[in-house]
């Protein structure tokens, strides 16, 4: 099975950030929105694939954002920085 494309390998007009600028946030799916927030993936895994994997693992956005930073860091590809980004997003959404 071929590996998913990295964002830099995607056609520019298909990249999440460029699609958001062109079509607005409502045109993006949850994985694409989360990929923009995460900013980067990890070696061999694009931010979109990482985001999709997390959303699938935890069921939805709410399930993901209910996790503590310690729980988030148990996931491959999520270190302190990404765990803090997600925790900040969760808190920001509450406020």
N, C-alpha and C. Protein backbone atom coordinates (compact mmCIF):
# COMPACT_ATOMS: atom_id res chain seq x y z
N UNK A 1 0.85 -1.19 0.00
CA UNK A 1 0.00 0.00 0.00
C UNK A 1 0.89 1.24 0.00
N UNK A 2 0.67 2.17 -0.93
CA UNK A 2 1.50 3.37 -0.97
C UNK A 2 1.23 4.27 0.23
N UNK A 3 2.27 4.96 0.65
CA UNK A 3 2.11 5.86 1.80
C UNK A 3 1.33 7.11 1.36
N UNK A 4 0.61 7.74 2.30
CA UNK A 4 -0.09 8.98 1.97
C UNK A 4 0.91 10.08 1.60
N UNK A 5 0.49 10.98 0.76
CA UNK A 5 1.35 12.10 0.37
C UNK A 5 1.62 13.01 1.56
N UNK A 6 2.84 13.51 1.63
CA UNK A 6 3.14 14.58 2.57
C UNK A 6 2.53 15.86 1.99
N UNK A 7 2.26 16.83 2.84
CA UNK A 7 1.62 18.06 2.37
C UNK A 7 2.48 18.74 1.30
N UNK A 8 3.79 18.74 1.49
CA UNK A 8 4.66 19.39 0.49
C UNK A 8 4.64 18.67 -0.85
N UNK A 9 4.18 17.42 -0.87
CA UNK A 9 4.08 16.66 -2.11
C UNK A 9 2.73 16.85 -2.81
N UNK A 10 1.78 17.44 -2.11
CA UNK A 10 0.44 17.65 -2.67
C UNK A 10 0.48 18.83 -3.64
N UNK A 11 -0.44 18.82 -4.59
CA UNK A 11 -0.60 19.99 -5.45
C UNK A 11 -0.91 21.19 -4.55
N UNK A 12 -0.29 22.31 -4.85
CA UNK A 12 -0.42 23.47 -3.97
C UNK A 12 -1.88 23.84 -3.69
N UNK A 13 -2.74 23.78 -4.69
CA UNK A 13 -4.14 24.16 -4.50
C UNK A 13 -4.91 23.16 -3.64
N UNK A 14 -4.33 21.99 -3.37
CA UNK A 14 -5.00 20.97 -2.54
C UNK A 14 -4.50 20.95 -1.10
N UNK A 15 -3.51 21.75 -0.78
CA UNK A 15 -2.98 21.80 0.58
C UNK A 15 -3.99 22.50 1.49
N UNK A 16 -4.11 22.03 2.74
CA UNK A 16 -5.15 22.58 3.63
C UNK A 16 -5.12 24.10 3.78
N UNK A 17 -3.96 24.67 4.01
CA UNK A 17 -3.90 26.12 4.22
C UNK A 17 -4.33 26.88 2.97
N UNK A 18 -3.88 26.42 1.83
CA UNK A 18 -4.23 27.08 0.58
C UNK A 18 -5.71 26.92 0.28
N UNK A 19 -6.26 25.74 0.56
CA UNK A 19 -7.70 25.53 0.36
C UNK A 19 -8.50 26.43 1.29
N UNK A 20 -8.04 26.59 2.53
CA UNK A 20 -8.75 27.44 3.47
C UNK A 20 -8.75 28.89 2.98
N UNK A 21 -7.62 29.34 2.49
CA UNK A 21 -7.53 30.72 2.00
C UNK A 21 -8.44 30.93 0.78
N UNK A 22 -8.54 29.92 -0.05
CA UNK A 22 -9.32 30.04 -1.28
C UNK A 22 -10.81 29.81 -1.04
N UNK A 23 -11.16 28.82 -0.20
CA UNK A 23 -12.55 28.39 -0.06
C UNK A 23 -13.19 28.70 1.29
N UNK A 24 -12.37 29.06 2.28
CA UNK A 24 -12.88 29.31 3.62
C UNK A 24 -12.85 28.06 4.48
N UNK A 25 -12.91 28.22 5.80
CA UNK A 25 -12.77 27.08 6.71
C UNK A 25 -13.89 26.05 6.60
N UNK A 26 -15.07 26.46 6.21
CA UNK A 26 -16.19 25.51 6.12
C UNK A 26 -15.98 24.45 5.04
N UNK A 27 -15.10 24.74 4.08
CA UNK A 27 -14.84 23.79 2.99
C UNK A 27 -13.89 22.66 3.41
N UNK A 28 -13.23 22.81 4.56
CA UNK A 28 -12.26 21.82 5.00
C UNK A 28 -12.90 20.80 5.92
N UNK A 29 -12.39 19.57 5.87
CA UNK A 29 -12.87 18.56 6.81
C UNK A 29 -12.11 18.70 8.13
N UNK A 30 -12.52 17.96 9.14
CA UNK A 30 -11.91 18.09 10.46
C UNK A 30 -10.41 17.78 10.45
N UNK A 31 -10.00 16.78 9.69
CA UNK A 31 -8.58 16.44 9.64
C UNK A 31 -7.76 17.58 9.03
N UNK A 32 -8.30 18.22 8.01
CA UNK A 32 -7.58 19.33 7.38
C UNK A 32 -7.49 20.52 8.33
N UNK A 33 -8.57 20.82 9.05
CA UNK A 33 -8.54 21.92 10.03
C UNK A 33 -7.54 21.62 11.13
N UNK A 34 -7.57 20.40 11.66
CA UNK A 34 -6.64 20.02 12.71
C UNK A 34 -5.21 20.04 12.20
N UNK A 35 -4.99 19.64 10.97
CA UNK A 35 -3.64 19.67 10.39
C UNK A 35 -3.09 21.09 10.35
N UNK A 36 -3.94 22.05 10.06
CA UNK A 36 -3.50 23.45 10.07
C UNK A 36 -3.09 23.85 11.47
N UNK A 37 -3.84 23.44 12.47
CA UNK A 37 -3.51 23.77 13.86
C UNK A 37 -2.22 23.08 14.28
N UNK A 38 -2.06 21.80 13.94
CA UNK A 38 -0.85 21.06 14.31
C UNK A 38 0.38 21.62 13.61
N UNK A 39 0.20 22.09 12.39
CA UNK A 39 1.29 22.71 11.65
C UNK A 39 2.19 21.74 10.91
N UNK A 40 2.65 20.71 11.58
CA UNK A 40 3.54 19.74 10.96
C UNK A 40 3.15 18.33 11.39
N UNK A 41 3.57 17.39 10.60
CA UNK A 41 3.41 15.99 10.98
C UNK A 41 4.69 15.52 11.63
N UNK A 42 4.99 14.26 11.42
CA UNK A 42 6.24 13.67 11.92
C UNK A 42 6.88 12.93 10.76
N UNK A 43 8.08 12.46 10.95
CA UNK A 43 8.80 11.80 9.86
C UNK A 43 7.93 10.73 9.21
N UNK A 44 7.69 10.91 7.91
CA UNK A 44 6.92 9.94 7.15
C UNK A 44 5.41 10.03 7.30
N UNK A 45 4.92 10.99 8.07
CA UNK A 45 3.48 11.12 8.28
C UNK A 45 3.11 12.60 8.21
N UNK A 46 2.27 12.96 7.27
CA UNK A 46 1.88 14.36 7.10
C UNK A 46 1.01 14.81 8.27
N UNK A 47 0.88 16.12 8.41
CA UNK A 47 0.00 16.67 9.44
C UNK A 47 -1.44 16.21 9.21
N UNK A 48 -1.85 16.07 7.96
CA UNK A 48 -3.21 15.60 7.66
C UNK A 48 -3.39 14.16 8.12
N UNK A 49 -2.42 13.31 7.83
CA UNK A 49 -2.52 11.91 8.24
C UNK A 49 -2.48 11.79 9.76
N UNK A 50 -1.62 12.55 10.42
CA UNK A 50 -1.56 12.57 11.88
C UNK A 50 -2.90 13.01 12.46
N UNK A 51 -3.46 14.08 11.92
CA UNK A 51 -4.75 14.59 12.39
C UNK A 51 -5.85 13.55 12.19
N UNK A 52 -5.88 12.93 11.03
CA UNK A 52 -6.89 11.92 10.74
C UNK A 52 -6.75 10.72 11.68
N UNK A 53 -5.52 10.31 11.93
CA UNK A 53 -5.28 9.19 12.84
C UNK A 53 -5.78 9.51 14.25
N UNK A 54 -5.51 10.72 14.72
CA UNK A 54 -5.96 11.12 16.06
C UNK A 54 -7.48 11.19 16.14
N UNK A 55 -8.10 11.77 15.13
CA UNK A 55 -9.56 11.88 15.13
C UNK A 55 -10.21 10.51 15.07
N UNK A 56 -9.64 9.61 14.31
CA UNK A 56 -10.17 8.25 14.23
C UNK A 56 -10.00 7.53 15.56
N UNK A 57 -8.83 7.66 16.15
CA UNK A 57 -8.53 6.98 17.43
C UNK A 57 -9.45 7.43 18.54
N UNK A 58 -9.75 8.73 18.61
CA UNK A 58 -10.54 9.27 19.71
C UNK A 58 -11.98 9.58 19.33
N UNK A 59 -12.39 9.19 18.14
CA UNK A 59 -13.79 9.26 17.74
C UNK A 59 -14.23 10.54 17.09
N UNK A 60 -13.73 11.66 17.56
CA UNK A 60 -14.13 12.96 17.02
C UNK A 60 -13.28 14.06 17.66
N UNK A 61 -13.57 15.29 17.29
CA UNK A 61 -12.81 16.43 17.82
C UNK A 61 -12.98 16.51 19.33
N UNK A 62 -14.19 16.37 19.81
CA UNK A 62 -14.45 16.48 21.25
C UNK A 62 -13.65 15.44 22.03
N UNK A 63 -13.66 14.20 21.54
CA UNK A 63 -12.90 13.14 22.21
C UNK A 63 -11.42 13.45 22.29
N UNK A 64 -10.89 14.02 21.24
CA UNK A 64 -9.48 14.40 21.21
C UNK A 64 -9.19 15.53 22.18
N UNK A 65 -10.04 16.54 22.19
CA UNK A 65 -9.78 17.73 23.01
C UNK A 65 -10.07 17.51 24.49
N UNK A 66 -10.69 16.41 24.84
CA UNK A 66 -10.93 16.10 26.26
C UNK A 66 -9.72 15.45 26.92
N UNK A 67 -8.72 15.08 26.15
CA UNK A 67 -7.54 14.41 26.69
C UNK A 67 -6.62 15.40 27.40
N UNK A 68 -5.93 14.92 28.41
CA UNK A 68 -4.92 15.74 29.09
C UNK A 68 -3.65 15.77 28.23
N UNK A 69 -2.77 16.69 28.55
CA UNK A 69 -1.51 16.75 27.81
C UNK A 69 -0.71 15.46 27.99
N UNK A 70 -0.78 14.86 29.17
CA UNK A 70 -0.09 13.59 29.39
C UNK A 70 -0.66 12.49 28.51
N UNK A 71 -1.98 12.42 28.41
CA UNK A 71 -2.62 11.41 27.56
C UNK A 71 -2.28 11.64 26.09
N UNK A 72 -2.29 12.89 25.67
CA UNK A 72 -1.96 13.21 24.28
C UNK A 72 -0.54 12.76 23.93
N UNK A 73 0.37 12.95 24.86
CA UNK A 73 1.77 12.61 24.59
C UNK A 73 2.02 11.11 24.48
N UNK A 74 1.05 10.31 24.85
CA UNK A 74 1.18 8.86 24.68
C UNK A 74 1.00 8.45 23.22
N UNK A 75 0.45 9.36 22.43
CA UNK A 75 0.21 9.07 21.01
C UNK A 75 1.46 9.32 20.19
N UNK A 76 1.80 8.40 19.29
CA UNK A 76 2.95 8.62 18.41
C UNK A 76 2.78 9.92 17.62
N UNK A 77 3.83 10.72 17.61
CA UNK A 77 3.79 11.98 16.86
C UNK A 77 3.35 13.17 17.68
N UNK A 78 2.94 12.94 18.93
CA UNK A 78 2.50 14.05 19.78
C UNK A 78 3.49 14.21 20.93
N UNK A 79 4.23 15.29 20.87
CA UNK A 79 5.16 15.62 21.94
C UNK A 79 4.58 16.75 22.78
N UNK A 80 5.43 17.36 23.56
CA UNK A 80 5.00 18.44 24.45
C UNK A 80 4.37 19.59 23.67
N UNK A 81 5.01 20.01 22.59
CA UNK A 81 4.52 21.18 21.84
C UNK A 81 3.13 20.93 21.26
N UNK A 82 2.93 19.82 20.58
CA UNK A 82 1.63 19.54 19.98
C UNK A 82 0.57 19.28 21.06
N UNK A 83 0.95 18.62 22.15
CA UNK A 83 0.01 18.39 23.25
C UNK A 83 -0.44 19.73 23.83
N UNK A 84 0.48 20.66 23.98
CA UNK A 84 0.13 21.99 24.50
C UNK A 84 -0.73 22.77 23.49
N UNK A 85 -0.45 22.63 22.21
CA UNK A 85 -1.28 23.29 21.19
C UNK A 85 -2.72 22.80 21.29
N UNK A 86 -2.89 21.50 21.40
CA UNK A 86 -4.24 20.93 21.47
C UNK A 86 -4.94 21.31 22.78
N UNK A 87 -4.21 21.31 23.89
CA UNK A 87 -4.80 21.71 25.17
C UNK A 87 -5.19 23.18 25.14
N UNK A 88 -4.37 24.02 24.53
CA UNK A 88 -4.70 25.44 24.41
C UNK A 88 -5.93 25.64 23.53
N UNK A 89 -6.01 24.89 22.45
CA UNK A 89 -7.19 24.96 21.58
C UNK A 89 -8.45 24.58 22.35
N UNK A 90 -8.35 23.51 23.14
CA UNK A 90 -9.48 23.06 23.93
C UNK A 90 -9.93 24.14 24.91
N UNK A 91 -8.99 24.73 25.61
CA UNK A 91 -9.32 25.78 26.58
C UNK A 91 -9.87 27.01 25.87
N UNK A 92 -9.30 27.36 24.75
CA UNK A 92 -9.76 28.52 23.99
C UNK A 92 -11.20 28.32 23.54
N UNK A 93 -11.54 27.11 23.12
CA UNK A 93 -12.91 26.81 22.67
C UNK A 93 -13.91 26.96 23.81
N UNK A 94 -13.49 26.66 25.03
CA UNK A 94 -14.36 26.78 26.20
C UNK A 94 -14.61 28.25 26.53
N UNK A 95 -13.59 29.06 26.39
CA UNK A 95 -13.71 30.48 26.74
C UNK A 95 -14.55 31.19 25.71
